[in-house]
Each structure stands twice: as structure tokens, then as C-alpha cells.
PDB file of all heavy atoms in Angstrom:
ATOM      1  N   SER A   1      -2.311  -3.719  15.253  1.00  0.00           N
ATOM      2  CA  SER A   1      -1.994  -4.755  14.266  1.00  0.00           C
ATOM      3  C   SER A   1      -2.488  -4.343  12.855  1.00  0.00           C
ATOM      4  O   SER A   1      -1.950  -4.915  11.834  1.00  0.00           O
ATOM      5  CB  SER A   1      -2.606  -6.112  14.609  1.00  0.00           C
ATOM      6  OG  SER A   1      -3.979  -6.076  14.723  1.00  0.00           O
ATOM      7  N   GLY A   2      -3.431  -3.483  12.768  1.00  0.00           N
ATOM      8  CA  GLY A   2      -3.940  -3.075  11.482  1.00  0.00           C
ATOM      9  C   GLY A   2      -3.168  -1.876  10.887  1.00  0.00           C
ATOM     10  O   GLY A   2      -3.409  -1.463   9.727  1.00  0.00           O
ATOM     11  N   GLU A   3      -2.262  -1.392  11.615  1.00  0.00           N
ATOM     12  CA  GLU A   3      -1.485  -0.140  11.215  1.00  0.00           C
ATOM     13  C   GLU A   3      -0.349  -0.569  10.301  1.00  0.00           C
ATOM     14  O   GLU A   3       0.473  -1.341  10.674  1.00  0.00           O
ATOM     15  CB  GLU A   3      -1.012   0.602  12.462  1.00  0.00           C
ATOM     16  CG  GLU A   3      -0.244   1.840  12.165  1.00  0.00           C
ATOM     17  CD  GLU A   3      -1.205   2.876  11.555  1.00  0.00           C
ATOM     18  OE1 GLU A   3      -2.182   3.203  12.108  1.00  0.00           O
ATOM     19  OE2 GLU A   3      -0.773   3.342  10.407  1.00  0.00           O
ATOM     20  N   LYS A   4      -0.387  -0.043   9.152  1.00  0.00           N
ATOM     21  CA  LYS A   4       0.667  -0.423   8.176  1.00  0.00           C
ATOM     22  C   LYS A   4       1.883   0.550   8.202  1.00  0.00           C
ATOM     23  O   LYS A   4       2.975   0.212   7.803  1.00  0.00           O
ATOM     24  CB  LYS A   4       0.194  -0.556   6.695  1.00  0.00           C
ATOM     25  CG  LYS A   4      -0.264   0.790   6.137  1.00  0.00           C
ATOM     26  CD  LYS A   4      -0.620   0.705   4.677  1.00  0.00           C
ATOM     27  CE  LYS A   4      -0.946   2.087   4.147  1.00  0.00           C
ATOM     28  NZ  LYS A   4      -0.566   2.263   2.876  1.00  0.00           N
ATOM     29  N   ASP A   5       1.686   1.793   8.627  1.00  0.00           N
ATOM     30  CA  ASP A   5       2.710   2.783   8.699  1.00  0.00           C
ATOM     31  C   ASP A   5       3.630   2.596   9.931  1.00  0.00           C
ATOM     32  O   ASP A   5       3.170   2.050  10.943  1.00  0.00           O
ATOM     33  CB  ASP A   5       2.107   4.182   8.778  1.00  0.00           C
ATOM     34  CG  ASP A   5       1.270   4.515   7.533  1.00  0.00           C
ATOM     35  OD1 ASP A   5       1.542   3.933   6.459  1.00  0.00           O
ATOM     36  OD2 ASP A   5       0.339   5.334   7.670  1.00  0.00           O
ATOM     37  N   TYR A   6       4.855   2.988   9.759  1.00  0.00           N
ATOM     38  CA  TYR A   6       5.784   2.975  10.854  1.00  0.00           C
ATOM     39  C   TYR A   6       5.611   4.068  11.864  1.00  0.00           C
ATOM     40  O   TYR A   6       4.995   5.092  11.598  1.00  0.00           O
ATOM     41  CB  TYR A   6       7.248   3.038  10.246  1.00  0.00           C
ATOM     42  CG  TYR A   6       7.606   1.888   9.374  1.00  0.00           C
ATOM     43  CD1 TYR A   6       7.771   2.154   7.954  1.00  0.00           C
ATOM     44  CD2 TYR A   6       7.668   0.610   9.859  1.00  0.00           C
ATOM     45  CE1 TYR A   6       8.103   1.081   7.174  1.00  0.00           C
ATOM     46  CE2 TYR A   6       8.064  -0.432   8.968  1.00  0.00           C
ATOM     47  CZ  TYR A   6       8.260  -0.178   7.645  1.00  0.00           C
ATOM     48  OH  TYR A   6       8.518  -1.185   6.884  1.00  0.00           O
ATOM     49  N   SER A   7       6.117   3.814  13.082  1.00  0.00           N
ATOM     50  CA  SER A   7       6.041   4.862  14.099  1.00  0.00           C
ATOM     51  C   SER A   7       6.853   6.054  13.700  1.00  0.00           C
ATOM     52  O   SER A   7       6.494   7.224  13.900  1.00  0.00           O
ATOM     53  CB  SER A   7       6.470   4.360  15.475  1.00  0.00           C
ATOM     54  OG  SER A   7       5.626   3.311  15.848  1.00  0.00           O
ATOM     55  N   MET A   8       8.030   5.779  13.093  1.00  0.00           N
ATOM     56  CA  MET A   8       9.002   6.748  12.614  1.00  0.00           C
ATOM     57  C   MET A   8       9.704   6.199  11.380  1.00  0.00           C
ATOM     58  O   MET A   8      10.150   5.024  11.456  1.00  0.00           O
ATOM     59  CB  MET A   8       9.953   7.205  13.702  1.00  0.00           C
ATOM     60  CG  MET A   8      10.768   8.454  13.219  1.00  0.00           C
ATOM     61  SD  MET A   8      11.664   9.123  14.638  1.00  0.00           S
ATOM     62  CE  MET A   8      12.368  10.584  13.826  1.00  0.00           C
ATOM     63  N   GLU A   9       9.802   7.063  10.374  1.00  0.00           N
ATOM     64  CA  GLU A   9      10.450   6.615   9.187  1.00  0.00           C
ATOM     65  C   GLU A   9      11.334   7.706   8.658  1.00  0.00           C
ATOM     66  O   GLU A   9      11.045   8.852   8.759  1.00  0.00           O
ATOM     67  CB  GLU A   9       9.437   6.236   8.094  1.00  0.00           C
ATOM     68  CG  GLU A   9       9.970   5.623   6.846  1.00  0.00           C
ATOM     69  CD  GLU A   9       8.923   5.146   5.917  1.00  0.00           C
ATOM     70  OE1 GLU A   9       7.721   5.290   6.208  1.00  0.00           O
ATOM     71  OE2 GLU A   9       9.319   4.526   4.933  1.00  0.00           O
ATOM     72  N   ALA A  10      12.543   7.337   8.112  1.00  0.00           N
ATOM     73  CA  ALA A  10      13.459   8.328   7.593  1.00  0.00           C
ATOM     74  C   ALA A  10      13.572   8.196   6.109  1.00  0.00           C
ATOM     75  O   ALA A  10      13.598   7.140   5.528  1.00  0.00           O
ATOM     76  CB  ALA A  10      14.893   7.976   8.164  1.00  0.00           C
ATOM     77  N   LYS A  11      13.642   9.392   5.400  1.00  0.00           N
ATOM     78  CA  LYS A  11      13.739   9.459   3.955  1.00  0.00           C
ATOM     79  C   LYS A  11      14.712  10.546   3.563  1.00  0.00           C
ATOM     80  O   LYS A  11      14.789  11.622   4.276  1.00  0.00           O
ATOM     81  CB  LYS A  11      12.403   9.798   3.362  1.00  0.00           C
ATOM     82  CG  LYS A  11      11.348   8.709   3.545  1.00  0.00           C
ATOM     83  CD  LYS A  11      11.299   7.853   2.354  1.00  0.00           C
ATOM     84  CE  LYS A  11      10.130   6.890   2.486  1.00  0.00           C
ATOM     85  NZ  LYS A  11      10.401   5.811   1.568  1.00  0.00           N
ATOM     86  N   GLY A  12      15.368  10.364   2.526  1.00  0.00           N
ATOM     87  CA  GLY A  12      16.093  11.540   1.862  1.00  0.00           C
ATOM     88  C   GLY A  12      15.027  12.317   1.191  1.00  0.00           C
ATOM     89  O   GLY A  12      14.057  11.850   0.718  1.00  0.00           O
ATOM     90  N   ILE A  13      15.293  13.621   0.986  1.00  0.00           N
ATOM     91  CA  ILE A  13      14.333  14.491   0.407  1.00  0.00           C
ATOM     92  C   ILE A  13      13.971  14.086  -1.015  1.00  0.00           C
ATOM     93  O   ILE A  13      12.863  14.302  -1.456  1.00  0.00           O
ATOM     94  CB  ILE A  13      14.875  15.998   0.388  1.00  0.00           C
ATOM     95  CG1 ILE A  13      13.678  16.976   0.229  1.00  0.00           C
ATOM     96  CG2 ILE A  13      15.935  16.263  -0.594  1.00  0.00           C
ATOM     97  CD1 ILE A  13      12.792  17.075   1.385  1.00  0.00           C
ATOM     98  N   GLY A  14      14.871  13.452  -1.749  1.00  0.00           N
ATOM     99  CA  GLY A  14      14.578  12.933  -3.146  1.00  0.00           C
ATOM    100  C   GLY A  14      13.994  11.553  -3.169  1.00  0.00           C
ATOM    101  O   GLY A  14      13.830  11.031  -4.254  1.00  0.00           O
ATOM    102  N   SER A  15      13.840  10.891  -2.006  1.00  0.00           N
ATOM    103  CA  SER A  15      13.374   9.524  -2.029  1.00  0.00           C
ATOM    104  C   SER A  15      11.912   9.405  -2.485  1.00  0.00           C
ATOM    105  O   SER A  15      11.177  10.333  -2.532  1.00  0.00           O
ATOM    106  CB  SER A  15      13.378   8.938  -0.576  1.00  0.00           C
ATOM    107  OG  SER A  15      14.576   9.060   0.032  1.00  0.00           O
ATOM    108  N   ALA A  16      11.599   8.186  -2.883  1.00  0.00           N
ATOM    109  CA  ALA A  16      10.183   7.933  -3.294  1.00  0.00           C
ATOM    110  C   ALA A  16       9.351   8.093  -2.055  1.00  0.00           C
ATOM    111  O   ALA A  16       9.690   7.678  -0.950  1.00  0.00           O
ATOM    112  CB  ALA A  16      10.108   6.528  -3.836  1.00  0.00           C
ATOM    113  N   LYS A  17       8.209   8.708  -2.199  1.00  0.00           N
ATOM    114  CA  LYS A  17       7.278   8.949  -1.168  1.00  0.00           C
ATOM    115  C   LYS A  17       6.279   7.873  -1.160  1.00  0.00           C
ATOM    116  O   LYS A  17       5.656   7.538  -2.250  1.00  0.00           O
ATOM    117  CB  LYS A  17       6.639  10.333  -1.231  1.00  0.00           C
ATOM    118  CG  LYS A  17       7.537  11.537  -1.580  1.00  0.00           C
ATOM    119  CD  LYS A  17       8.706  11.603  -0.647  1.00  0.00           C
ATOM    120  CE  LYS A  17       9.573  12.862  -1.120  1.00  0.00           C
ATOM    121  NZ  LYS A  17      10.547  12.536  -2.080  1.00  0.00           N
ATOM    122  N   LEU A  18       5.879   7.311  -0.068  1.00  0.00           N
ATOM    123  CA  LEU A  18       4.917   6.308   0.048  1.00  0.00           C
ATOM    124  C   LEU A  18       3.530   6.940   0.387  1.00  0.00           C
ATOM    125  O   LEU A  18       3.491   8.080   0.659  1.00  0.00           O
ATOM    126  CB  LEU A  18       5.247   5.305   1.130  1.00  0.00           C
ATOM    127  CG  LEU A  18       6.619   4.625   0.897  1.00  0.00           C
ATOM    128  CD1 LEU A  18       6.881   3.743   2.133  1.00  0.00           C
ATOM    129  CD2 LEU A  18       6.623   3.829  -0.343  1.00  0.00           C
ATOM    130  N   SER A  19       2.483   6.159   0.335  1.00  0.00           N
ATOM    131  CA  SER A  19       1.214   6.673   0.608  1.00  0.00           C
ATOM    132  C   SER A  19       0.916   6.548   2.102  1.00  0.00           C
ATOM    133  O   SER A  19      -0.128   6.033   2.537  1.00  0.00           O
ATOM    134  CB  SER A  19       0.158   5.931  -0.231  1.00  0.00           C
ATOM    135  OG  SER A  19       0.171   4.515   0.167  1.00  0.00           O
ATOM    136  N   THR A  20       1.789   7.116   2.842  1.00  0.00           N
ATOM    137  CA  THR A  20       1.639   7.149   4.306  1.00  0.00           C
ATOM    138  C   THR A  20       0.870   8.378   4.762  1.00  0.00           C
ATOM    139  O   THR A  20       0.840   9.356   3.945  1.00  0.00           O
ATOM    140  CB  THR A  20       2.976   7.098   5.053  1.00  0.00           C
ATOM    141  OG1 THR A  20       3.695   8.263   4.637  1.00  0.00           O
ATOM    142  CG2 THR A  20       3.722   5.775   4.673  1.00  0.00           C
ATOM    143  N   ARG A  21       0.365   8.405   5.904  1.00  0.00           N
ATOM    144  CA  ARG A  21      -0.365   9.578   6.488  1.00  0.00           C
ATOM    145  C   ARG A  21       0.300   9.860   7.746  1.00  0.00           C
ATOM    146  O   ARG A  21      -0.300   9.544   8.829  1.00  0.00           O
ATOM    147  CB  ARG A  21      -1.825   9.380   6.526  1.00  0.00           C
ATOM    148  CG  ARG A  21      -2.547   9.384   5.291  1.00  0.00           C
ATOM    149  CD  ARG A  21      -2.614  10.752   4.676  1.00  0.00           C
ATOM    150  NE  ARG A  21      -3.168  10.765   3.360  1.00  0.00           N
ATOM    151  CZ  ARG A  21      -2.635  11.276   2.273  1.00  0.00           C
ATOM    152  NH1 ARG A  21      -1.384  11.792   2.307  1.00  0.00           N
ATOM    153  NH2 ARG A  21      -3.191  11.192   1.065  1.00  0.00           N
ATOM    154  N   PRO A  22       1.489  10.443   7.839  1.00  0.00           N
ATOM    155  CA  PRO A  22       2.084  10.715   9.060  1.00  0.00           C
ATOM    156  C   PRO A  22       1.338  11.822   9.828  1.00  0.00           C
ATOM    157  O   PRO A  22       0.655  12.705   9.281  1.00  0.00           O
ATOM    158  CB  PRO A  22       3.485  11.148   8.777  1.00  0.00           C
ATOM    159  CG  PRO A  22       3.357  11.626   7.349  1.00  0.00           C
ATOM    160  CD  PRO A  22       2.278  10.860   6.679  1.00  0.00           C
ATOM    161  N   ASP A  23       1.528  11.774  11.197  1.00  0.00           N
ATOM    162  CA  ASP A  23       0.963  12.807  12.072  1.00  0.00           C
ATOM    163  C   ASP A  23       1.892  14.010  12.140  1.00  0.00           C
ATOM    164  O   ASP A  23       1.408  15.120  12.374  1.00  0.00           O
ATOM    165  CB  ASP A  23       0.692  12.320  13.467  1.00  0.00           C
ATOM    166  CG  ASP A  23      -0.241  11.099  13.415  1.00  0.00           C
ATOM    167  OD1 ASP A  23      -1.375  11.284  12.953  1.00  0.00           O
ATOM    168  OD2 ASP A  23       0.122  10.010  13.772  1.00  0.00           O
ATOM    169  N   LEU A  24       3.193  13.765  11.899  1.00  0.00           N
ATOM    170  CA  LEU A  24       4.168  14.808  11.938  1.00  0.00           C
ATOM    171  C   LEU A  24       5.236  14.530  10.905  1.00  0.00           C
ATOM    172  O   LEU A  24       5.717  13.419  10.735  1.00  0.00           O
ATOM    173  CB  LEU A  24       4.861  14.858  13.382  1.00  0.00           C
ATOM    174  CG  LEU A  24       6.067  15.772  13.471  1.00  0.00           C
ATOM    175  CD1 LEU A  24       5.639  17.270  13.326  1.00  0.00           C
ATOM    176  CD2 LEU A  24       6.738  15.563  14.808  1.00  0.00           C
ATOM    177  N   ILE A  25       5.534  15.543  10.055  1.00  0.00           N
ATOM    178  CA  ILE A  25       6.590  15.493   9.113  1.00  0.00           C
ATOM    179  C   ILE A  25       7.622  16.501   9.521  1.00  0.00           C
ATOM    180  O   ILE A  25       7.320  17.629   9.739  1.00  0.00           O
ATOM    181  CB  ILE A  25       6.109  15.859   7.725  1.00  0.00           C
ATOM    182  CG1 ILE A  25       5.079  14.720   7.177  1.00  0.00           C
ATOM    183  CG2 ILE A  25       7.299  15.948   6.657  1.00  0.00           C
ATOM    184  CD1 ILE A  25       4.539  15.051   5.823  1.00  0.00           C
ATOM    185  N   LEU A  26       8.857  16.007   9.653  1.00  0.00           N
ATOM    186  CA  LEU A  26       9.991  16.879   9.982  1.00  0.00           C
ATOM    187  C   LEU A  26      10.832  16.951   8.722  1.00  0.00           C
ATOM    188  O   LEU A  26      11.238  15.963   8.135  1.00  0.00           O
ATOM    189  CB  LEU A  26      10.887  16.273  11.095  1.00  0.00           C
ATOM    190  CG  LEU A  26      10.235  16.112  12.403  1.00  0.00           C
ATOM    191  CD1 LEU A  26      11.095  15.342  13.418  1.00  0.00           C
ATOM    192  CD2 LEU A  26       9.851  17.502  13.074  1.00  0.00           C
ATOM    193  N   ILE A  27      11.106  18.165   8.271  1.00  0.00           N
ATOM    194  CA  ILE A  27      12.062  18.388   7.135  1.00  0.00           C
ATOM    195  C   ILE A  27      13.216  19.126   7.712  1.00  0.00           C
ATOM    196  O   ILE A  27      13.076  20.265   8.180  1.00  0.00           O
ATOM    197  CB  ILE A  27      11.391  19.164   6.002  1.00  0.00           C
ATOM    198  CG1 ILE A  27      10.143  18.397   5.487  1.00  0.00           C
ATOM    199  CG2 ILE A  27      12.364  19.361   4.884  1.00  0.00           C
ATOM    200  CD1 ILE A  27       9.362  19.263   4.511  1.00  0.00           C
ATOM    201  N   ASP A  28      14.417  18.486   7.767  1.00  0.00           N
ATOM    202  CA  ASP A  28      15.535  19.149   8.498  1.00  0.00           C
ATOM    203  C   ASP A  28      16.676  19.313   7.491  1.00  0.00           C
ATOM    204  O   ASP A  28      17.180  18.354   6.955  1.00  0.00           O
ATOM    205  CB  ASP A  28      15.967  18.223   9.590  1.00  0.00           C
ATOM    206  CG  ASP A  28      17.057  18.838  10.525  1.00  0.00           C
ATOM    207  OD1 ASP A  28      17.425  20.006  10.224  1.00  0.00           O
ATOM    208  OD2 ASP A  28      17.483  18.147  11.463  1.00  0.00           O
ATOM    209  N   ASP A  29      17.074  20.566   7.189  1.00  0.00           N
ATOM    210  CA  ASP A  29      18.191  20.824   6.321  1.00  0.00           C
ATOM    211  C   ASP A  29      18.077  20.110   4.996  1.00  0.00           C
ATOM    212  O   ASP A  29      18.963  19.303   4.742  1.00  0.00           O
ATOM    213  CB  ASP A  29      19.591  20.613   6.930  1.00  0.00           C
ATOM    214  CG  ASP A  29      19.969  21.702   7.930  1.00  0.00           C
ATOM    215  OD1 ASP A  29      19.585  22.934   7.566  1.00  0.00           O
ATOM    216  OD2 ASP A  29      20.698  21.486   8.877  1.00  0.00           O
ATOM    217  N   PRO A  30      17.058  20.306   4.229  1.00  0.00           N
ATOM    218  CA  PRO A  30      16.855  19.524   2.983  1.00  0.00           C
ATOM    219  C   PRO A  30      17.782  19.883   1.836  1.00  0.00           C
ATOM    220  O   PRO A  30      17.865  19.162   0.828  1.00  0.00           O
ATOM    221  CB  PRO A  30      15.428  19.770   2.570  1.00  0.00           C
ATOM    222  CG  PRO A  30      15.188  21.224   3.113  1.00  0.00           C
ATOM    223  CD  PRO A  30      15.978  21.371   4.389  1.00  0.00           C
ATOM    224  N   GLN A  31      18.528  20.996   1.917  1.00  0.00           N
ATOM    225  CA  GLN A  31      19.319  21.393   0.774  1.00  0.00           C
ATOM    226  C   GLN A  31      20.803  21.535   1.060  1.00  0.00           C
ATOM    227  O   GLN A  31      21.240  21.985   2.158  1.00  0.00           O
ATOM    228  CB  GLN A  31      18.867  22.845   0.374  1.00  0.00           C
ATOM    229  CG  GLN A  31      19.343  23.334  -0.939  1.00  0.00           C
ATOM    230  CD  GLN A  31      18.623  24.572  -1.381  1.00  0.00           C
ATOM    231  OE1 GLN A  31      18.356  25.470  -0.621  1.00  0.00           O
ATOM    232  NE2 GLN A  31      18.371  24.667  -2.675  1.00  0.00           N
ATOM    233  N   GLU A  32      21.547  20.864   0.144  1.00  0.00           N
ATOM    234  CA  GLU A  32      22.979  20.989   0.310  1.00  0.00           C
ATOM    235  C   GLU A  32      23.508  22.371  -0.024  1.00  0.00           C
ATOM    236  O   GLU A  32      22.951  23.056  -0.901  1.00  0.00           O
ATOM    237  CB  GLU A  32      23.693  20.016  -0.766  1.00  0.00           C
ATOM    238  CG  GLU A  32      23.458  18.610  -0.465  1.00  0.00           C
ATOM    239  CD  GLU A  32      24.350  17.998   0.594  1.00  0.00           C
ATOM    240  OE1 GLU A  32      25.180  18.678   1.066  1.00  0.00           O
ATOM    241  OE2 GLU A  32      24.217  16.813   0.872  1.00  0.00           O
ATOM    242  N   PRO A  33      24.522  22.845   0.727  1.00  0.00           N
ATOM    243  CA  PRO A  33      24.992  24.246   0.493  1.00  0.00           C
ATOM    244  C   PRO A  33      25.374  24.531  -0.927  1.00  0.00           C
ATOM    245  O   PRO A  33      25.031  25.518  -1.521  1.00  0.00           O
ATOM    246  CB  PRO A  33      26.219  24.337   1.348  1.00  0.00           C
ATOM    247  CG  PRO A  33      26.016  23.412   2.447  1.00  0.00           C
ATOM    248  CD  PRO A  33      25.228  22.214   1.794  1.00  0.00           C
TER     249      PRO A  33
END
């Protein structure tokens, strides 16, 4: 109940980044051809 971060969250590469501390960051195909 004290955890403010989500279990999983999705962002576009250019999205505003929050002050989260994820255990795993996945960056998948971040660049348009």
C-alpha cells in the first residue's frame, strides 16, 4: 500500500519521465526508420 510506482508502465521514448525507480527498464525499437 505504500508503493507509489506501478508494477508495469508504458512510455513513449520522448515522454516525460517520472521519478520512478523501476527494477527493469525495457527499451524496444526506440527509433523510427
